[in-house]
């Protein structure tokens, strides 16, 4: 059943030919249970999202959210409502000023041919955030995925991001392990 060369190799390690299916089955079980646990951990903790998460919410988003909730209360005929209307008009004036200033700065920048360069980490993080939002929103609309998310009591987008992060994280960990092994071999 086994070639002679393989049989002698197994005998030098203290194994028999009958042990080979048990070894392969044990390896397969360990491999797929590790992948399954990695998927579950990625669904729960989302490590890549945490890695690329902004440390703060941009100021304009915080102000926009706060003003949005306050504008809902605008129907009140009080001094506070007038202040909100004044802030809205001021905001509109600011945006026109900002757009004009940006246009002139853009012209100056084009004249100088300077390029606004961000670090590679910021670009990758921004790309990852936009891609994960787009893809998870699309996948979360699936009937199967939303029912599985309801069964697990997890929001569908979170489940989609977690399922997508597991293979990426596995590849990242394997490449880091390979790099570490290469460094150890070179030393």
Foldseek 3Di string as FASTA:
>chain_A
DDDPVVQVVQVVVVHHPVCVVVVVVVVVVVVVVVLVVLLVCCLVPVVVCVVLPDPDDDPVVVVVVVLVVVCVVLVDPDPSNVVSVVVVVVVVVVVVVVVVVVVVVVVVCVVVVDDDDDDPSNVVSVVVVVVLVVVLVVQLPDPVQVVVCVVVVHRSSSSVSSNVVSVVVVVVVVVVVVVVVVVVVVD
